[in-house]
Amino acid sequence: MMILIHPKKYVLIAVIISLLTGSVDVMSGQHTATDNADSLNTNRLRTVIGATSAFYAGGLYFLNNIWYKDDQPVPFHFYNDWSGWKQVDKAGHMYSSYYISKKGIDALRWAGVSEKKAVWLGGSMSIVMLTPIEIFDGLFDGYGFSVTDMIANTAGSALAVGQELLWQEQRIRMKFSYYPTRYPGYRPSYFGESRITHFFTDYNGHTYWLSANISSFLPDSNFPGWLDIAFGYGADGLLGEFENPQYSRQVRLPDFERTRQLYLSIDLNLEAIQTRSKFIRGLLGALNMIKIPAPAIEFNSSGRIKLHPVYF
């Protein structure tokens, strides 16, 4: 059985989930670990359960009746895609899972659920929501259940839950940045023709970051709470999942070197901005999922070091 997974699927899911979970920040106003502790608000809890159930049911309906509508059902099977796209898609899985867990914890705190229950129940939401996607993949031709995707999903959830258990806060946040590249132009039949499509399909333009808030590790220092140090991961030269094709539409393609990229940069912790408005505080929390453009140093697998005056 030949399996060819288009990159658009998982990136689309990552972006939609990130946007939807970001709305939790606006709704809850970025409540902290001590807000509403042990003071259960049943109306808020009903809202959280209702919204989560609706999203979950809608996602299952979308997968079964829309996404896989034209695909052939097959016996359950696995797919080893660990080396695909230089693991950039795995970082995307981790990013989505991290924010589903983080926003799940925030939502249950907003509802006044006790701290321990909020962390464990909210943190497990990503596994509950993302596992059906992998199961569906294992049941349709052209896809396959990916164990490494499940590992990445679990890692994202563990990053959110582990920090809450250790520090009662998120000192290290995952973030995402994107910039358009030249590569979709070489394979428009695969990557699509529009810039919007390229946003979802072109892993070369995706960078996933771990943004660490230094002041939270050095509480007695004068290090500004709004300034983070960010470590990014991306890839370049990818025209295919595992290897680059030689031809596209009977045209010889350039021999691009497939490289991994590591980045060191600075970032803003928007949640450190003080405001009395719960809506603005929540909006800043939602925007904090995105890495701001800033100077960066790139270290790539070709042994080269590049300085980017502004990296998007």
Protein backbone atom coordinates (compact mmCIF):
# COMPACT_ATOMS: atom_id res chain seq x y z
CA MET A 1 0.00 0.00 0.00
CA MET A 2 1.44 3.36 -1.00
CA ILE A 3 0.88 6.13 1.50
CA LEU A 4 1.25 9.79 0.58
CA ILE A 5 0.21 12.20 3.30
CA HIS A 6 -0.21 15.77 2.17
CA PRO A 7 1.24 18.27 4.65
CA LYS A 8 -1.84 20.47 4.54
CA LYS A 9 -3.89 18.23 6.79
CA TYR A 10 -1.91 18.40 9.98
CA VAL A 11 -0.91 22.04 9.63
CA LEU A 12 -4.54 23.00 8.99
CA ILE A 13 -5.59 21.13 12.12
CA ALA A 14 -2.79 22.79 14.10
CA VAL A 15 -3.79 26.30 13.01
CA ILE A 16 -7.53 25.77 13.58
CA ILE A 17 -6.97 24.25 17.01
CA SER A 18 -4.59 27.03 17.98
CA LEU A 19 -7.07 29.73 16.96
CA LEU A 20 -9.99 28.06 18.71
CA THR A 21 -8.09 27.40 21.91
CA GLY A 22 -6.78 30.95 21.81
CA SER A 23 -10.36 32.14 22.23
CA VAL A 24 -10.29 30.59 25.70
CA ASP A 25 -7.85 33.30 26.73
CA VAL A 26 -10.27 36.01 25.62
CA MET A 27 -13.15 34.29 27.41
CA SER A 28 -11.33 33.64 30.67
CA GLY A 29 -9.16 36.74 30.80
CA GLN A 30 -6.01 34.69 31.48
CA HIS A 31 -6.86 33.51 34.99
CA THR A 32 -3.89 32.44 37.07
CA ALA A 33 -3.32 29.27 39.03
CA THR A 34 -4.95 30.72 42.15
CA ASP A 35 -7.98 32.37 40.51
CA ASN A 36 -11.30 30.72 41.47
CA ALA A 37 -9.46 27.90 43.25
CA ASP A 38 -11.89 25.58 45.05
CA SER A 39 -14.86 27.83 44.22
CA LEU A 40 -16.63 25.90 41.50
CA ASN A 41 -18.80 28.00 39.19
CA THR A 42 -21.32 25.57 37.74
CA ASN A 43 -22.45 27.94 34.96
CA ARG A 44 -18.89 28.40 33.77
CA LEU A 45 -18.24 24.68 34.03
CA ARG A 46 -21.31 23.97 31.88
CA THR A 47 -19.98 26.46 29.33
CA VAL A 48 -16.60 24.73 29.23
CA ILE A 49 -18.13 21.25 28.96
CA GLY A 50 -20.62 22.38 26.31
CA ALA A 51 -18.03 24.14 24.17
CA THR A 52 -15.56 21.26 24.44
CA SER A 53 -18.22 18.66 23.61
CA ALA A 54 -19.46 20.66 20.63
CA PHE A 55 -15.95 21.09 19.28
CA TYR A 56 -15.17 17.41 19.79
CA ALA A 57 -18.38 16.21 18.15
CA GLY A 58 -17.98 18.68 15.30
CA GLY A 59 -14.42 17.52 14.74
CA LEU A 60 -15.46 13.88 14.55
CA TYR A 61 -18.24 14.74 12.12
CA PHE A 62 -15.84 16.75 9.97
CA LEU A 63 -13.33 13.90 9.82
CA ASN A 64 -15.88 11.18 9.07
CA ASN A 65 -18.20 13.02 6.67
CA ILE A 66 -16.03 15.65 5.00
CA TRP A 67 -12.29 15.04 5.25
CA TYR A 68 -12.31 11.31 4.48
CA LYS A 69 -15.47 11.39 2.38
CA ASP A 70 -13.71 10.52 -0.87
CA ASP A 71 -11.12 8.16 0.65
CA GLN A 72 -11.31 4.38 0.56
CA PRO A 73 -11.80 2.63 3.93
CA VAL A 74 -9.17 -0.06 4.55
CA PRO A 75 -8.17 -2.32 7.45
CA PHE A 76 -6.46 -0.49 10.29
CA HIS A 77 -2.79 0.08 9.47
CA PHE A 78 0.24 2.01 10.66
CA TYR A 79 2.49 4.54 8.95
CA ASN A 80 6.05 5.39 9.98
CA ASP A 81 6.57 9.04 9.09
CA TRP A 82 9.18 9.91 11.70
CA SER A 83 11.76 11.05 9.14
CA GLY A 84 9.24 12.97 7.04
CA TRP A 85 9.59 16.74 6.63
CA LYS A 86 12.64 16.71 8.90
CA GLN A 87 10.25 16.37 11.89
CA VAL A 88 8.82 19.86 11.40
CA ASP A 89 5.33 18.35 11.32
CA LYS A 90 6.06 16.63 14.64
CA ALA A 91 6.80 20.04 16.13
CA GLY A 92 3.41 21.12 14.77
CA HIS A 93 1.72 18.22 16.54
CA MET A 94 3.48 19.14 19.76
CA TYR A 95 2.46 22.79 19.36
CA SER A 96 -1.23 21.94 18.88
CA SER A 97 -1.25 19.49 21.76
CA TYR A 98 0.52 21.94 24.06
CA TYR A 99 -2.08 24.64 23.50
CA ILE A 100 -5.09 22.35 23.75
CA SER A 101 -3.76 21.22 27.13
CA LYS A 102 -2.82 24.72 28.26
CA LYS A 103 -6.16 26.23 27.28
CA GLY A 104 -7.98 23.26 28.77
CA ILE A 105 -6.26 23.91 32.10
CA ASP A 106 -7.04 27.64 31.84
CA ALA A 107 -10.71 26.96 31.05
CA LEU A 108 -11.20 24.62 34.00
CA ARG A 109 -9.49 27.10 36.32
CA TRP A 110 -11.83 29.78 34.99
CA ALA A 111 -14.70 27.47 35.96
CA GLY A 112 -13.32 27.16 39.49
CA VAL A 113 -12.28 23.51 39.27
CA SER A 114 -9.72 22.57 41.95
CA GLU A 115 -6.11 23.04 40.90
CA LYS A 116 -5.08 19.39 40.69
CA LYS A 117 -8.19 18.37 38.75
CA ALA A 118 -7.86 21.36 36.42
CA VAL A 119 -4.27 20.43 35.56
CA TRP A 120 -4.86 16.73 34.97
CA LEU A 121 -8.27 16.94 33.29
CA GLY A 122 -7.45 20.02 31.24
CA GLY A 123 -4.04 18.67 30.34
CA SER A 124 -5.53 15.45 29.00
CA MET A 125 -7.86 17.25 26.57
CA SER A 126 -5.26 17.21 23.80
CA ILE A 127 -4.93 13.44 23.91
CA VAL A 128 -8.71 13.03 23.88
CA MET A 129 -9.14 15.41 20.93
CA LEU A 130 -6.17 14.42 18.79
CA THR A 131 -6.19 10.64 19.16
CA PRO A 132 -9.33 10.18 16.98
CA ILE A 133 -7.49 11.90 14.13
CA GLU A 134 -4.79 9.24 14.23
CA ILE A 135 -7.36 6.45 14.51
CA PHE A 136 -9.22 7.77 11.46
CA ASP A 137 -5.90 7.94 9.59
CA GLY A 138 -5.36 4.27 10.31
CA LEU A 139 -8.69 3.36 8.74
CA PHE A 140 -8.37 5.07 5.35
CA ASP A 141 -6.22 4.51 2.28
CA GLY A 142 -3.60 7.20 1.74
CA TYR A 143 -3.10 7.71 5.45
CA GLY A 144 -1.98 5.62 8.40
CA PHE A 145 -1.85 5.59 12.18
CA SER A 146 1.39 7.29 13.19
CA VAL A 147 2.93 6.26 16.51
CA THR A 148 5.37 9.16 16.30
CA ASP A 149 2.48 11.61 15.89
CA MET A 150 1.03 10.23 19.10
CA ILE A 151 4.40 10.63 20.82
CA ALA A 152 4.56 14.26 19.67
CA ASN A 153 1.00 14.86 20.87
CA THR A 154 1.86 13.38 24.26
CA ALA A 155 5.03 15.48 24.48
CA GLY A 156 3.06 18.68 23.92
CA SER A 157 0.58 17.77 26.64
CA ALA A 158 3.40 16.78 28.98
CA LEU A 159 5.11 20.15 28.45
CA ALA A 160 1.99 21.98 29.60
CA VAL A 161 1.08 19.65 32.46
CA GLY A 162 4.65 19.23 33.70
CA GLN A 163 5.21 22.95 34.11
CA GLU A 164 1.96 23.38 36.02
CA LEU A 165 2.90 20.57 38.39
CA LEU A 166 6.45 21.86 38.84
CA TRP A 167 6.01 25.63 38.86
CA GLN A 168 2.24 26.31 38.76
CA GLU A 169 2.86 28.42 35.66
CA GLN A 170 4.12 28.18 32.08
CA ARG A 171 7.69 29.44 32.11
CA ILE A 172 8.44 27.93 28.70
CA ARG A 173 5.83 28.46 26.00
CA MET A 174 5.61 27.02 22.51
CA LYS A 175 5.23 29.56 19.71
CA PHE A 176 4.89 29.56 15.94
CA SER A 177 6.16 31.78 13.14
CA TYR A 178 5.83 31.68 9.37
CA TYR A 179 7.36 33.34 6.33
CA PRO A 180 6.65 32.61 2.63
CA THR A 181 9.41 30.76 0.73
CA ARG A 182 10.25 30.11 -2.92
CA TYR A 183 9.70 26.36 -2.81
CA PRO A 184 5.95 26.09 -3.60
CA GLY A 185 6.66 27.67 -6.99
CA TYR A 186 8.63 24.60 -8.01
CA ARG A 187 5.76 22.17 -7.23
CA PRO A 188 2.49 24.13 -7.52
CA SER A 189 0.53 20.94 -8.19
CA TYR A 190 1.58 19.71 -4.74
CA PHE A 191 1.89 22.86 -2.64
CA GLY A 192 -0.96 24.75 -4.29
CA GLU A 193 -1.13 28.00 -6.20
CA SER A 194 -2.20 30.58 -3.59
CA ARG A 195 -0.33 32.13 -0.70
CA ILE A 196 -3.03 30.97 1.69
CA THR A 197 -2.50 27.38 0.55
CA HIS A 198 1.25 27.80 0.89
CA PHE A 199 0.78 28.81 4.53
CA PHE A 200 -0.60 25.36 5.23
CA THR A 201 1.50 23.24 2.89
CA ASP A 202 4.99 24.73 2.93
CA TYR A 203 6.88 23.38 5.94
CA ASN A 204 9.95 25.33 4.81
CA GLY A 205 8.30 28.50 6.11
CA HIS A 206 7.28 27.06 9.49
CA THR A 207 9.33 27.59 12.63
CA TYR A 208 8.34 26.28 16.05
CA TRP A 209 9.79 27.90 19.14
CA LEU A 210 10.33 27.29 22.82
CA SER A 211 10.15 30.74 24.38
CA ALA A 212 11.61 30.81 27.89
CA ASN A 213 10.77 33.57 30.35
CA ILE A 214 14.09 34.23 32.06
CA SER A 215 12.74 36.40 34.86
CA SER A 216 10.54 33.53 36.09
CA PHE A 217 13.70 31.47 36.61
CA LEU A 218 15.50 34.41 38.28
CA PRO A 219 12.85 35.98 40.50
CA ASP A 220 15.33 38.09 42.46
CA SER A 221 16.99 39.58 39.38
CA ASN A 222 16.12 42.73 37.45
CA PHE A 223 15.62 40.80 34.21
CA PRO A 224 12.50 42.26 32.53
CA GLY A 225 9.47 39.99 32.73
CA TRP A 226 8.37 40.87 29.18
CA LEU A 227 11.61 39.66 27.54
CA ASP A 228 12.09 35.98 26.61
CA ILE A 229 14.85 33.94 25.06
CA ALA A 230 13.53 31.78 22.21
CA PHE A 231 14.90 28.59 20.66
CA GLY A 232 13.47 27.68 17.27
CA TYR A 233 13.40 24.68 14.95
CA GLY A 234 12.70 24.57 11.22
CA ALA A 235 13.86 23.09 7.93
CA ASP A 236 14.75 24.22 4.43
CA GLY A 237 14.93 22.76 0.94
CA LEU A 238 11.93 20.44 1.34
CA LEU A 239 10.04 19.65 -1.86
CA GLY A 240 8.76 16.28 -0.63
CA GLU A 241 8.10 14.43 2.59
CA PHE A 242 11.11 12.09 2.66
CA GLU A 243 13.11 13.18 -0.39
CA ASN A 244 12.90 15.76 -3.14
CA PRO A 245 11.61 14.67 -6.56
CA GLN A 246 13.77 15.25 -9.60
CA TYR A 247 10.96 16.46 -11.84
CA SER A 248 7.71 18.40 -11.56
CA ARG A 249 5.41 18.67 -14.58
CA GLN A 250 8.26 17.23 -16.68
CA VAL A 251 10.55 20.08 -15.63
CA ARG A 252 13.88 19.30 -13.97
CA LEU A 253 13.95 20.64 -10.41
CA PRO A 254 17.00 22.22 -8.76
CA ASP A 255 18.93 19.99 -6.38
CA PHE A 256 18.03 21.68 -3.10
CA GLU A 257 19.87 20.57 0.02
CA ARG A 258 17.45 19.40 2.72
CA THR A 259 18.64 20.95 5.97
CA ARG A 260 17.54 21.31 9.57
CA GLN A 261 17.69 24.73 11.19
CA LEU A 262 18.11 25.76 14.81
CA TYR A 263 17.52 29.36 15.87
CA LEU A 264 18.38 31.55 18.82
CA SER A 265 16.35 34.73 19.19
CA ILE A 266 14.59 37.07 21.57
CA ASP A 267 10.84 37.24 22.09
CA LEU A 268 8.17 39.20 23.92
CA ASN A 269 6.06 37.72 26.69
CA LEU A 270 2.84 39.58 25.94
CA GLU A 271 1.17 38.14 29.03
CA ALA A 272 3.54 40.24 31.16
CA ILE A 273 1.93 43.45 29.89
CA GLN A 274 -0.18 44.91 32.69
CA THR A 275 -3.78 45.89 31.93
CA ARG A 276 -7.00 46.09 33.92
CA SER A 277 -9.08 44.88 31.00
CA LYS A 278 -9.79 41.16 31.14
CA PHE A 279 -10.55 41.20 27.42
CA ILE A 280 -7.22 42.84 26.53
CA ARG A 281 -5.41 40.50 28.91
CA GLY A 282 -7.06 37.53 27.24
CA LEU A 283 -6.31 38.88 23.76
CA LEU A 284 -2.64 39.26 24.66
CA GLY A 285 -2.66 35.68 25.89
CA ALA A 286 -4.04 34.50 22.55
CA LEU A 287 -1.48 36.52 20.58
CA ASN A 288 1.26 35.11 22.80
CA MET A 289 1.05 31.87 20.81
CA ILE A 290 2.88 33.63 17.96
CA LYS A 291 6.59 34.44 17.94
CA ILE A 292 7.25 38.10 17.17
CA PRO A 293 9.69 39.01 14.36
CA ALA A 294 13.10 39.68 15.89
CA PRO A 295 16.83 39.28 15.19
CA ALA A 296 17.94 35.64 15.19
CA ILE A 297 21.02 33.47 14.73
CA GLU A 298 20.59 30.35 12.60
CA PHE A 299 22.62 27.16 12.97
CA ASN A 300 21.87 24.63 10.23
CA SER A 301 22.83 21.04 9.51
CA SER A 302 25.09 22.14 6.66
CA GLY A 303 27.46 23.61 9.21
CA ARG A 304 26.64 27.21 8.33
CA ILE A 305 25.77 30.01 10.73
CA LYS A 306 23.56 32.86 9.52
CA LEU A 307 22.57 36.14 11.16
CA HIS A 308 19.03 37.30 10.41
CA PRO A 309 18.54 41.02 11.26
CA VAL A 310 14.79 40.30 11.42
CA TYR A 311 13.47 36.75 11.34
CA PHE A 312 9.76 36.15 10.78
